């Protein structure tokens, strides 16, 4: 369902970008300049988030920004296809649009409407963690990612993901995993308790806090 809806929305978005390309000359020069400037800014913002692992504190806002960047990227590619020689730029544009479908499926649009809410647990030094379950329907595996993030005190609406620690339900009760940071040694311990039948056992994973 997620992939089908995401692909459908992406196809409609591509059609809309094609239409904007066709009627490009009908808009004012100032409007065209603003559209290009905003598109470049959105693509650069998403590239910055992806490269530095920064983002907003809200997952929904992050997904929304991602999809705005997808629309902006398509717009810029189709704008590029208007340049001469058109046979070459059009072919290049078609090639540049192919990766958009693959990358967009990895971050489905349906995450905007995910009713799940993930509790954030503060652990000191402006660090917090949250546990996000995942599932592999093809392989039948389930588990959760223990995500440790830093929230700057001067900009509490932002966060920086400093470590993602995966656990699967085959090794422990992933939904009950916790993070224990050790700022003095710049490390973080991910601890996942065993199931009720083996409650005394834990799975510990120690990683650099970076």
N, C-alpha and C. Protein backbone atom coordinates (compact mmCIF):
# COMPACT_ATOMS: atom_id res chain seq x y z
N UNK A 1 0.84 -1.20 0.00
CA UNK A 1 0.00 0.00 0.00
C UNK A 1 0.87 1.25 0.00
N UNK A 2 1.92 1.24 0.83
CA UNK A 2 2.79 2.40 0.91
C UNK A 2 3.49 2.66 -0.42
N UNK A 3 4.01 1.58 -1.03
CA UNK A 3 4.74 1.74 -2.29
C UNK A 3 3.79 2.17 -3.40
N UNK A 4 2.59 1.59 -3.44
CA UNK A 4 1.64 1.94 -4.49
C UNK A 4 1.23 3.41 -4.39
N UNK A 5 0.91 3.86 -3.18
CA UNK A 5 0.50 5.25 -3.00
C UNK A 5 1.65 6.21 -3.30
N UNK A 6 2.84 5.85 -2.83
CA UNK A 6 4.00 6.70 -3.08
C UNK A 6 4.29 6.82 -4.56
N UNK A 7 4.25 5.69 -5.29
CA UNK A 7 4.51 5.70 -6.72
C UNK A 7 3.45 6.51 -7.47
N UNK A 8 2.18 6.36 -7.05
CA UNK A 8 1.10 7.10 -7.70
C UNK A 8 1.27 8.61 -7.52
N UNK A 9 1.57 9.02 -6.29
CA UNK A 9 1.78 10.45 -6.03
C UNK A 9 2.98 10.98 -6.79
N UNK A 10 4.05 10.18 -6.86
CA UNK A 10 5.24 10.61 -7.58
C UNK A 10 4.95 10.74 -9.08
N UNK A 11 4.13 9.83 -9.63
CA UNK A 11 3.76 9.91 -11.04
C UNK A 11 2.94 11.18 -11.31
N UNK A 12 1.99 11.47 -10.43
CA UNK A 12 1.18 12.70 -10.58
C UNK A 12 2.06 13.94 -10.45
N UNK A 13 3.02 13.89 -9.54
CA UNK A 13 3.94 15.01 -9.36
C UNK A 13 4.76 15.24 -10.62
N UNK A 14 5.21 14.14 -11.24
CA UNK A 14 5.99 14.25 -12.48
C UNK A 14 5.16 14.86 -13.59
N UNK A 15 3.89 14.45 -13.70
CA UNK A 15 2.99 15.03 -14.71
C UNK A 15 2.83 16.52 -14.47
N UNK A 16 2.65 16.91 -13.20
CA UNK A 16 2.50 18.33 -12.87
C UNK A 16 3.74 19.12 -13.25
N UNK A 17 4.92 18.54 -13.03
CA UNK A 17 6.16 19.22 -13.40
C UNK A 17 6.30 19.36 -14.91
N UNK A 18 5.83 18.33 -15.65
CA UNK A 18 5.84 18.40 -17.11
C UNK A 18 4.92 19.53 -17.60
N UNK A 19 3.76 19.66 -16.97
CA UNK A 19 2.83 20.72 -17.34
C UNK A 19 3.42 22.09 -17.05
N UNK A 20 4.11 22.22 -15.91
CA UNK A 20 4.75 23.50 -15.60
C UNK A 20 5.83 23.83 -16.61
N UNK A 21 6.49 22.80 -17.13
CA UNK A 21 7.50 23.03 -18.16
C UNK A 21 6.87 23.53 -19.45
N UNK A 22 5.71 22.94 -19.80
CA UNK A 22 5.03 23.32 -21.04
C UNK A 22 4.55 24.77 -20.98
N UNK A 23 4.00 25.17 -19.83
CA UNK A 23 3.44 26.51 -19.70
C UNK A 23 4.42 27.48 -19.02
N UNK A 24 5.70 27.14 -19.06
CA UNK A 24 6.71 27.95 -18.38
C UNK A 24 6.72 29.39 -18.87
N UNK A 25 6.62 29.58 -20.17
CA UNK A 25 6.71 30.93 -20.74
C UNK A 25 5.48 31.78 -20.44
N UNK A 26 4.41 31.15 -19.94
CA UNK A 26 3.19 31.90 -19.66
C UNK A 26 3.26 32.70 -18.37
N UNK A 27 4.21 32.39 -17.47
CA UNK A 27 4.31 33.09 -16.21
C UNK A 27 5.20 34.32 -16.31
N UNK A 28 5.13 35.16 -15.30
CA UNK A 28 5.96 36.36 -15.30
C UNK A 28 7.42 35.99 -15.03
N UNK A 29 8.31 36.89 -15.42
CA UNK A 29 9.74 36.63 -15.24
C UNK A 29 10.09 36.55 -13.76
N UNK A 30 9.47 37.40 -12.97
CA UNK A 30 9.74 37.39 -11.53
C UNK A 30 9.29 36.08 -10.89
N UNK A 31 8.12 35.59 -11.30
CA UNK A 31 7.62 34.33 -10.77
C UNK A 31 8.55 33.18 -11.13
N UNK A 32 9.04 33.17 -12.36
CA UNK A 32 9.96 32.12 -12.78
C UNK A 32 11.24 32.16 -11.96
N UNK A 33 11.75 33.36 -11.68
CA UNK A 33 12.97 33.50 -10.88
C UNK A 33 12.75 32.98 -9.46
N UNK A 34 11.59 33.32 -8.87
CA UNK A 34 11.28 32.87 -7.51
C UNK A 34 11.17 31.35 -7.46
N UNK A 35 10.52 30.74 -8.45
CA UNK A 35 10.36 29.29 -8.48
C UNK A 35 11.71 28.59 -8.57
N UNK A 36 12.58 29.10 -9.40
CA UNK A 36 13.92 28.49 -9.54
C UNK A 36 14.71 28.66 -8.25
N UNK A 37 14.66 29.85 -7.64
CA UNK A 37 15.41 30.10 -6.40
C UNK A 37 14.91 29.22 -5.26
N UNK A 38 13.59 29.11 -5.12
CA UNK A 38 13.01 28.27 -4.06
C UNK A 38 13.36 26.80 -4.30
N UNK A 39 13.31 26.36 -5.54
CA UNK A 39 13.63 24.97 -5.86
C UNK A 39 15.08 24.64 -5.52
N UNK A 40 15.99 25.52 -5.88
CA UNK A 40 17.40 25.31 -5.57
C UNK A 40 17.60 25.26 -4.05
N UNK A 41 16.93 26.15 -3.32
CA UNK A 41 17.06 26.19 -1.87
C UNK A 41 16.55 24.91 -1.22
N UNK A 42 15.43 24.37 -1.71
CA UNK A 42 14.88 23.15 -1.14
C UNK A 42 15.79 21.95 -1.39
N UNK A 43 16.34 21.86 -2.59
CA UNK A 43 17.25 20.75 -2.90
C UNK A 43 18.51 20.83 -2.04
N UNK A 44 19.05 22.03 -1.88
CA UNK A 44 20.25 22.21 -1.05
C UNK A 44 19.96 21.91 0.42
N UNK A 45 18.77 22.29 0.90
CA UNK A 45 18.40 22.02 2.29
C UNK A 45 18.32 20.52 2.53
N UNK A 46 17.66 19.79 1.62
CA UNK A 46 17.55 18.34 1.79
C UNK A 46 18.91 17.67 1.68
N UNK A 47 19.75 18.16 0.78
CA UNK A 47 21.10 17.60 0.64
C UNK A 47 21.90 17.82 1.92
N UNK A 48 21.71 18.99 2.54
CA UNK A 48 22.40 19.28 3.81
C UNK A 48 21.91 18.35 4.90
N UNK A 49 20.60 18.15 5.00
CA UNK A 49 20.04 17.25 6.01
C UNK A 49 20.57 15.83 5.82
N UNK A 50 20.61 15.37 4.57
CA UNK A 50 21.05 14.00 4.29
C UNK A 50 22.53 13.81 4.59
N UNK A 51 23.33 14.82 4.26
CA UNK A 51 24.78 14.69 4.43
C UNK A 51 25.21 14.82 5.88
N UNK A 52 24.53 15.65 6.65
CA UNK A 52 24.96 15.93 8.02
C UNK A 52 24.14 15.21 9.09
N UNK A 53 23.05 14.54 8.68
CA UNK A 53 22.15 13.84 9.60
C UNK A 53 21.41 14.80 10.53
N UNK A 54 21.33 16.05 10.14
CA UNK A 54 20.49 17.00 10.88
C UNK A 54 19.08 16.94 10.33
N UNK A 55 18.13 17.42 11.10
CA UNK A 55 16.75 17.48 10.67
C UNK A 55 15.92 18.18 11.74
N UNK A 56 14.64 18.25 11.50
CA UNK A 56 13.76 18.83 12.50
C UNK A 56 13.40 17.76 13.53
N UNK A 57 12.83 18.17 14.62
CA UNK A 57 12.46 17.24 15.68
C UNK A 57 11.26 16.39 15.28
N UNK A 58 10.52 16.82 14.23
CA UNK A 58 9.32 16.11 13.78
C UNK A 58 9.62 15.26 12.56
N UNK A 59 9.33 13.96 12.63
CA UNK A 59 9.52 13.08 11.48
C UNK A 59 8.62 13.47 10.32
N UNK A 60 7.40 13.91 10.62
CA UNK A 60 6.48 14.29 9.56
C UNK A 60 6.99 15.51 8.80
N UNK A 61 7.54 16.48 9.53
CA UNK A 61 8.10 17.66 8.87
C UNK A 61 9.30 17.27 8.01
N UNK A 62 10.12 16.34 8.49
CA UNK A 62 11.27 15.88 7.72
C UNK A 62 10.83 15.22 6.41
N UNK A 63 9.78 14.39 6.48
CA UNK A 63 9.27 13.74 5.27
C UNK A 63 8.68 14.78 4.32
N UNK A 64 7.98 15.76 4.89
CA UNK A 64 7.39 16.82 4.06
C UNK A 64 8.47 17.61 3.32
N UNK A 65 9.56 17.94 4.03
CA UNK A 65 10.66 18.66 3.41
C UNK A 65 11.29 17.81 2.31
N UNK A 66 11.43 16.52 2.57
CA UNK A 66 11.98 15.60 1.57
C UNK A 66 11.15 15.62 0.29
N UNK A 67 9.83 15.57 0.45
CA UNK A 67 8.99 15.54 -0.74
C UNK A 67 8.93 16.90 -1.44
N UNK A 68 9.06 17.98 -0.71
CA UNK A 68 9.19 19.28 -1.36
C UNK A 68 10.48 19.32 -2.18
N UNK A 69 11.54 18.73 -1.65
CA UNK A 69 12.81 18.69 -2.37
C UNK A 69 12.70 17.82 -3.62
N UNK A 70 11.94 16.73 -3.54
CA UNK A 70 11.72 15.88 -4.72
C UNK A 70 11.02 16.67 -5.82
N UNK A 71 9.97 17.41 -5.43
CA UNK A 71 9.25 18.24 -6.41
C UNK A 71 10.18 19.31 -6.99
N UNK A 72 11.00 19.92 -6.14
CA UNK A 72 11.93 20.95 -6.60
C UNK A 72 12.96 20.38 -7.55
N UNK A 73 13.46 19.18 -7.24
CA UNK A 73 14.45 18.53 -8.09
C UNK A 73 13.87 18.23 -9.47
N UNK A 74 12.64 17.68 -9.48
CA UNK A 74 11.99 17.41 -10.76
C UNK A 74 11.80 18.70 -11.56
N UNK A 75 11.40 19.75 -10.88
CA UNK A 75 11.20 21.03 -11.55
C UNK A 75 12.50 21.52 -12.19
N UNK A 76 13.61 21.43 -11.46
CA UNK A 76 14.89 21.91 -11.97
C UNK A 76 15.38 21.05 -13.14
N UNK A 77 15.16 19.74 -13.04
CA UNK A 77 15.57 18.86 -14.14
C UNK A 77 14.78 19.15 -15.40
N UNK A 78 13.47 19.35 -15.26
CA UNK A 78 12.64 19.64 -16.42
C UNK A 78 12.92 21.04 -16.95
N UNK A 79 13.28 21.96 -16.07
CA UNK A 79 13.71 23.28 -16.51
C UNK A 79 15.00 23.17 -17.33
N UNK A 80 15.91 22.31 -16.89
CA UNK A 80 17.15 22.07 -17.61
C UNK A 80 16.88 21.49 -19.00
N UNK A 81 15.82 20.66 -19.12
CA UNK A 81 15.51 20.02 -20.41
C UNK A 81 15.05 21.02 -21.46
N UNK A 82 14.77 22.28 -21.07
CA UNK A 82 14.35 23.30 -22.03
C UNK A 82 15.55 23.91 -22.76
N UNK A 83 16.73 23.67 -22.22
CA UNK A 83 17.92 24.25 -22.84
C UNK A 83 18.30 23.51 -24.11
N UNK A 84 19.13 24.15 -24.91
CA UNK A 84 19.58 23.55 -26.18
C UNK A 84 20.92 22.84 -25.97
N UNK A 85 21.18 21.77 -26.75
CA UNK A 85 20.27 21.12 -27.70
C UNK A 85 19.23 20.27 -26.97
N UNK A 86 17.98 20.42 -27.32
CA UNK A 86 16.89 19.81 -26.55
C UNK A 86 16.94 18.28 -26.59
N UNK A 87 17.42 17.71 -27.68
CA UNK A 87 17.47 16.24 -27.74
C UNK A 87 18.42 15.69 -26.67
N UNK A 88 19.51 16.43 -26.42
CA UNK A 88 20.49 15.99 -25.42
C UNK A 88 20.01 16.28 -24.00
N UNK A 89 19.48 17.48 -23.79
CA UNK A 89 19.03 17.85 -22.44
C UNK A 89 17.79 17.03 -22.03
N UNK A 90 16.93 16.73 -23.00
CA UNK A 90 15.74 15.91 -22.69
C UNK A 90 16.15 14.49 -22.30
N UNK A 91 17.13 13.93 -23.03
CA UNK A 91 17.62 12.59 -22.70
C UNK A 91 18.29 12.59 -21.33
N UNK A 92 19.07 13.62 -21.05
CA UNK A 92 19.73 13.74 -19.75
C UNK A 92 18.71 13.87 -18.63
N UNK A 93 17.63 14.63 -18.89
CA UNK A 93 16.59 14.82 -17.89
C UNK A 93 15.90 13.50 -17.56
N UNK A 94 15.64 12.69 -18.59
CA UNK A 94 14.99 11.40 -18.37
C UNK A 94 15.87 10.51 -17.49
N UNK A 95 17.18 10.54 -17.72
CA UNK A 95 18.11 9.73 -16.93
C UNK A 95 18.17 10.24 -15.49
N UNK A 96 18.16 11.56 -15.33
CA UNK A 96 18.26 12.15 -13.99
C UNK A 96 17.00 11.91 -13.16
N UNK A 97 15.86 11.68 -13.83
CA UNK A 97 14.62 11.46 -13.09
C UNK A 97 14.45 10.03 -12.60
N UNK A 98 15.17 9.09 -13.21
CA UNK A 98 15.02 7.68 -12.83
C UNK A 98 15.34 7.44 -11.35
N UNK A 99 16.46 7.97 -10.81
CA UNK A 99 16.76 7.70 -9.39
C UNK A 99 15.73 8.26 -8.42
N UNK A 100 14.94 9.25 -8.85
CA UNK A 100 13.96 9.85 -7.95
C UNK A 100 12.95 8.82 -7.48
N UNK A 101 12.52 7.93 -8.39
CA UNK A 101 11.52 6.93 -8.02
C UNK A 101 12.08 5.96 -6.99
N UNK A 102 13.32 5.53 -7.19
CA UNK A 102 13.92 4.58 -6.25
C UNK A 102 14.11 5.20 -4.87
N UNK A 103 14.65 6.42 -4.82
CA UNK A 103 14.92 7.06 -3.53
C UNK A 103 13.63 7.43 -2.81
N UNK A 104 12.59 7.79 -3.55
CA UNK A 104 11.33 8.19 -2.92
C UNK A 104 10.61 7.01 -2.29
N UNK A 105 10.74 5.84 -2.88
CA UNK A 105 10.10 4.65 -2.32
C UNK A 105 10.74 4.29 -0.98
N UNK A 106 12.03 4.65 -0.80
CA UNK A 106 12.70 4.37 0.46
C UNK A 106 12.16 5.24 1.59
N UNK A 107 11.54 6.37 1.26
CA UNK A 107 10.96 7.25 2.27
C UNK A 107 9.52 7.54 1.85
N UNK A 108 8.60 6.59 2.10
CA UNK A 108 7.24 6.68 1.57
C UNK A 108 6.51 7.94 2.01
N UNK A 109 5.69 8.43 1.10
CA UNK A 109 4.86 9.59 1.40
C UNK A 109 3.89 9.29 2.54
N UNK A 110 3.51 8.02 2.67
CA UNK A 110 2.54 7.65 3.69
C UNK A 110 3.05 7.89 5.11
N UNK A 111 4.35 8.09 5.29
CA UNK A 111 4.86 8.40 6.63
C UNK A 111 4.32 9.73 7.16
N UNK A 112 3.83 10.56 6.24
CA UNK A 112 3.20 11.81 6.66
C UNK A 112 1.95 11.54 7.49
N UNK A 113 1.31 10.41 7.21
CA UNK A 113 0.03 10.09 7.85
C UNK A 113 0.17 8.93 8.84
N UNK A 114 1.38 8.63 9.24
CA UNK A 114 1.61 7.55 10.20
C UNK A 114 1.02 7.95 11.55
N UNK A 115 0.03 7.21 12.05
CA UNK A 115 -0.59 7.58 13.34
C UNK A 115 0.30 7.27 14.54
N UNK A 116 1.37 6.51 14.33
CA UNK A 116 2.23 6.13 15.45
C UNK A 116 2.97 7.34 16.00
N UNK A 117 3.13 7.36 17.29
CA UNK A 117 3.93 8.39 17.94
C UNK A 117 5.02 7.70 18.75
N UNK A 118 6.23 8.20 18.61
CA UNK A 118 7.37 7.56 19.26
C UNK A 118 7.83 8.43 20.42
N UNK A 119 7.88 7.82 21.58
CA UNK A 119 8.26 8.55 22.78
C UNK A 119 9.75 8.85 22.77
N UNK A 120 10.10 10.10 23.07
CA UNK A 120 11.49 10.48 23.19
C UNK A 120 11.88 10.46 24.67
N UNK A 121 13.03 9.87 24.94
CA UNK A 121 13.50 9.73 26.32
C UNK A 121 14.79 10.52 26.50
N UNK A 122 14.78 11.61 27.28
CA UNK A 122 16.02 12.37 27.51
C UNK A 122 17.00 11.58 28.36
N UNK A 123 18.30 11.70 28.02
CA UNK A 123 19.32 10.96 28.76
C UNK A 123 20.48 11.88 29.19
N UNK A 124 20.22 13.20 29.21
CA UNK A 124 21.23 14.14 29.66
C UNK A 124 22.13 14.65 28.55
N UNK A 125 22.81 15.78 28.82
CA UNK A 125 23.73 16.40 27.87
C UNK A 125 23.05 16.70 26.53
N UNK A 126 21.76 17.08 26.60
CA UNK A 126 20.97 17.43 25.41
C UNK A 126 20.81 16.25 24.46
N UNK A 127 20.97 15.04 24.97
CA UNK A 127 20.77 13.83 24.18
C UNK A 127 19.44 13.19 24.53
N UNK A 128 18.84 12.53 23.57
CA UNK A 128 17.63 11.76 23.82
C UNK A 128 17.61 10.58 22.85
N UNK A 129 16.77 9.61 23.15
CA UNK A 129 16.64 8.47 22.24
C UNK A 129 15.18 8.13 22.04
N UNK A 130 14.93 7.43 20.96
CA UNK A 130 13.60 6.91 20.67
C UNK A 130 13.74 5.55 20.01
N UNK A 131 12.73 4.73 20.15
CA UNK A 131 12.74 3.38 19.59
C UNK A 131 11.70 3.31 18.48
N UNK A 132 12.17 3.01 17.26
CA UNK A 132 11.27 2.96 16.12
C UNK A 132 11.25 1.55 15.55
N UNK A 133 10.11 0.88 15.61
CA UNK A 133 10.03 -0.49 15.09
C UNK A 133 10.10 -0.52 13.56
N UNK A 134 10.60 -1.61 13.05
CA UNK A 134 10.63 -1.82 11.61
C UNK A 134 10.25 -3.28 11.34
N UNK A 135 9.88 -3.53 10.11
CA UNK A 135 9.51 -4.89 9.73
C UNK A 135 9.95 -5.19 8.32
N UNK A 136 10.37 -6.41 8.08
CA UNK A 136 10.76 -6.88 6.76
C UNK A 136 9.75 -7.94 6.34
N UNK A 137 8.73 -7.50 5.60
CA UNK A 137 7.64 -8.42 5.25
C UNK A 137 8.13 -9.55 4.36
N UNK A 138 9.16 -9.29 3.55
CA UNK A 138 9.66 -10.33 2.65
C UNK A 138 10.35 -11.44 3.42
N UNK A 139 11.22 -11.04 4.39
CA UNK A 139 11.94 -12.05 5.15
C UNK A 139 11.25 -12.43 6.44
N UNK A 140 10.20 -11.72 6.80
CA UNK A 140 9.48 -12.03 8.02
C UNK A 140 10.16 -11.56 9.28
N UNK A 141 11.22 -10.77 9.16
CA UNK A 141 11.95 -10.30 10.34
C UNK A 141 11.34 -9.00 10.84
N UNK A 142 11.38 -8.84 12.15
CA UNK A 142 10.92 -7.61 12.77
C UNK A 142 11.96 -7.17 13.79
N UNK A 143 11.91 -5.89 14.14
CA UNK A 143 12.86 -5.36 15.11
C UNK A 143 12.61 -3.89 15.31
N UNK A 144 13.63 -3.21 15.80
CA UNK A 144 13.50 -1.78 16.05
C UNK A 144 14.87 -1.13 16.00
N UNK A 145 14.86 0.14 15.62
CA UNK A 145 16.08 0.95 15.65
C UNK A 145 16.06 1.82 16.90
N UNK A 146 17.14 1.79 17.63
CA UNK A 146 17.33 2.67 18.78
C UNK A 146 18.10 3.89 18.28
N UNK A 147 17.41 5.02 18.17
CA UNK A 147 17.99 6.22 17.56
C UNK A 147 18.36 7.22 18.64
N UNK A 148 19.65 7.51 18.74
CA UNK A 148 20.16 8.48 19.71
C UNK A 148 20.41 9.79 18.98
N UNK A 149 19.85 10.88 19.48
CA UNK A 149 19.94 12.18 18.81
C UNK A 149 20.37 13.26 19.79
N UNK A 150 20.89 14.32 19.21
CA UNK A 150 21.29 15.50 19.99
C UNK A 150 20.38 16.66 19.63
N UNK A 151 19.88 17.35 20.64
CA UNK A 151 19.02 18.51 20.43
C UNK A 151 19.75 19.76 20.94
N UNK A 152 20.15 20.68 20.05
CA UNK A 152 20.88 21.87 20.50
C UNK A 152 19.99 22.76 21.35
N UNK A 153 20.48 23.24 22.48
CA UNK A 153 19.65 24.07 23.37
C UNK A 153 19.23 25.39 22.73
N UNK A 154 20.02 25.89 21.79
CA UNK A 154 19.67 27.16 21.15
C UNK A 154 18.64 26.99 20.04
N UNK A 155 18.44 25.75 19.59
CA UNK A 155 17.46 25.47 18.53
C UNK A 155 16.79 24.13 18.83
N UNK A 156 15.91 24.08 19.83
CA UNK A 156 15.31 22.81 20.25
C UNK A 156 14.39 22.17 19.22
N UNK A 157 14.08 22.88 18.14
CA UNK A 157 13.24 22.30 17.09
C UNK A 157 14.06 21.49 16.10
N UNK A 158 15.39 21.47 16.28
CA UNK A 158 16.27 20.68 15.42
C UNK A 158 16.85 19.50 16.20
N UNK A 159 17.36 18.52 15.45
CA UNK A 159 18.05 17.40 16.08
C UNK A 159 19.11 16.86 15.14
N UNK A 160 20.11 16.25 15.73
CA UNK A 160 21.18 15.62 14.96
C UNK A 160 21.27 14.16 15.37
N UNK A 161 21.07 13.25 14.44
CA UNK A 161 21.15 11.82 14.75
C UNK A 161 22.62 11.45 14.91
N UNK A 162 22.97 11.05 16.11
CA UNK A 162 24.37 10.72 16.38
C UNK A 162 24.64 9.22 16.30
N UNK A 163 23.62 8.40 16.47
CA UNK A 163 23.83 6.96 16.38
C UNK A 163 22.51 6.24 16.20
N UNK A 164 22.49 5.24 15.31
CA UNK A 164 21.33 4.37 15.13
C UNK A 164 21.79 2.95 15.44
N UNK A 165 21.16 2.32 16.45
CA UNK A 165 21.55 0.98 16.88
C UNK A 165 20.39 0.02 16.58
N UNK A 166 20.56 -0.91 15.64
CA UNK A 166 19.47 -1.83 15.30
C UNK A 166 19.43 -3.06 16.20
N UNK A 167 18.24 -3.49 16.52
CA UNK A 167 18.02 -4.76 17.23
C UNK A 167 16.90 -5.49 16.50
N UNK A 168 17.00 -6.81 16.43
CA UNK A 168 15.90 -7.58 15.85
C UNK A 168 15.26 -8.45 16.92
N UNK A 169 14.01 -8.78 16.69
CA UNK A 169 13.25 -9.52 17.71
C UNK A 169 13.73 -10.95 17.88
N UNK A 170 14.59 -11.41 16.99
CA UNK A 170 15.14 -12.74 17.15
C UNK A 170 16.20 -12.81 18.24
N UNK A 171 16.79 -11.66 18.57
CA UNK A 171 17.84 -11.65 19.59
C UNK A 171 17.36 -11.12 20.93
N UNK A 172 16.31 -10.28 20.90
CA UNK A 172 15.84 -9.68 22.16
C UNK A 172 14.50 -8.99 21.92
N UNK A 173 13.96 -8.39 22.98
CA UNK A 173 12.71 -7.64 22.90
C UNK A 173 13.03 -6.22 22.45
N UNK A 174 13.09 -6.00 21.15
CA UNK A 174 13.61 -4.75 20.60
C UNK A 174 12.80 -3.53 21.03
N UNK A 175 11.51 -3.69 21.25
CA UNK A 175 10.66 -2.55 21.61
C UNK A 175 10.99 -2.01 23.01
N UNK A 176 11.72 -2.79 23.81
CA UNK A 176 12.06 -2.36 25.16
C UNK A 176 13.53 -1.92 25.27
N UNK A 177 14.18 -1.70 24.14
CA UNK A 177 15.59 -1.31 24.15
C UNK A 177 15.76 0.09 24.74
N UNK A 178 16.91 0.33 25.36
CA UNK A 178 17.22 1.63 25.94
C UNK A 178 18.65 2.03 25.55
N UNK A 179 18.95 3.31 25.67
CA UNK A 179 20.29 3.82 25.38
C UNK A 179 20.90 4.39 26.65
N UNK A 180 22.18 4.11 26.85
CA UNK A 180 22.91 4.64 27.99
C UNK A 180 24.17 5.33 27.46
N UNK A 181 24.18 6.66 27.38
CA UNK A 181 25.36 7.35 26.86
C UNK A 181 26.44 7.53 27.92
N UNK A 182 27.67 7.54 27.46
CA UNK A 182 28.81 7.82 28.33
C UNK A 182 29.61 8.95 27.70
N UNK A 183 29.19 10.20 27.93
CA UNK A 183 29.85 11.35 27.28
C UNK A 183 31.34 11.45 27.58
N UNK A 184 31.76 11.00 28.77
CA UNK A 184 33.18 11.12 29.12
C UNK A 184 34.06 10.27 28.21
N UNK A 185 33.53 9.13 27.76
CA UNK A 185 34.28 8.27 26.84
C UNK A 185 33.76 8.37 25.41
N UNK A 186 32.78 9.25 25.21
CA UNK A 186 32.20 9.47 23.88
C UNK A 186 31.68 8.17 23.26
N UNK A 187 30.96 7.41 24.09
CA UNK A 187 30.36 6.17 23.63
C UNK A 187 28.91 6.10 24.09
N UNK A 188 28.15 5.21 23.47
CA UNK A 188 26.76 4.99 23.87
C UNK A 188 26.50 3.49 23.86
N UNK A 189 25.82 3.03 24.88
CA UNK A 189 25.49 1.61 25.01
C UNK A 189 24.02 1.41 24.67
N UNK A 190 23.74 0.56 23.71
CA UNK A 190 22.38 0.15 23.42
C UNK A 190 22.10 -1.16 24.13
N UNK A 191 21.11 -1.18 24.99
CA UNK A 191 20.81 -2.38 25.78
C UNK A 191 19.40 -2.86 25.46
N UNK A 192 19.30 -4.11 25.05
CA UNK A 192 18.00 -4.69 24.69
C UNK A 192 17.74 -5.91 25.58
N UNK A 193 16.68 -5.88 26.38
CA UNK A 193 16.41 -7.00 27.30
C UNK A 193 15.88 -8.22 26.56
N UNK A 194 16.11 -9.37 27.17
CA UNK A 194 15.58 -10.60 26.60
C UNK A 194 14.08 -10.69 26.78
N UNK A 195 13.49 -11.68 26.16
CA UNK A 195 12.05 -11.88 26.32
C UNK A 195 11.75 -12.40 27.72
N UNK A 196 10.48 -12.52 28.06
CA UNK A 196 10.09 -12.88 29.42
C UNK A 196 10.69 -14.21 29.86
N UNK A 197 10.89 -15.12 28.92
CA UNK A 197 11.44 -16.43 29.28
C UNK A 197 12.93 -16.37 29.58
N UNK A 198 13.57 -15.27 29.19
CA UNK A 198 15.00 -15.11 29.43
C UNK A 198 15.27 -13.68 29.88
N UNK A 199 14.50 -13.23 30.85
CA UNK A 199 14.54 -11.84 31.29
C UNK A 199 15.90 -11.43 31.86
N UNK A 200 16.69 -12.40 32.33
CA UNK A 200 17.98 -12.05 32.92
C UNK A 200 19.03 -11.72 31.85
N UNK A 201 18.76 -12.07 30.61
CA UNK A 201 19.74 -11.86 29.54
C UNK A 201 19.48 -10.54 28.84
N UNK A 202 20.54 -9.86 28.47
CA UNK A 202 20.43 -8.63 27.68
C UNK A 202 21.41 -8.70 26.52
N UNK A 203 21.07 -7.98 25.47
CA UNK A 203 21.96 -7.84 24.32
C UNK A 203 22.50 -6.42 24.34
N UNK A 204 23.80 -6.27 24.52
CA UNK A 204 24.42 -4.95 24.63
C UNK A 204 25.27 -4.68 23.39
N UNK A 205 25.16 -3.44 22.88
CA UNK A 205 25.95 -3.01 21.74
C UNK A 205 26.55 -1.63 22.07
N UNK A 206 27.88 -1.57 22.05
CA UNK A 206 28.57 -0.34 22.38
C UNK A 206 29.11 0.30 21.11
N UNK A 207 28.78 1.60 20.92
CA UNK A 207 29.19 2.30 19.72
C UNK A 207 29.78 3.66 20.09
N UNK A 208 30.60 4.23 19.22
CA UNK A 208 31.07 5.61 19.43
C UNK A 208 29.88 6.57 19.40
N UNK A 209 29.94 7.58 20.22
CA UNK A 209 28.87 8.58 20.27
C UNK A 209 29.15 9.68 19.26
N UNK A 210 29.03 9.32 17.98
CA UNK A 210 29.32 10.29 16.91
C UNK A 210 28.63 9.85 15.63
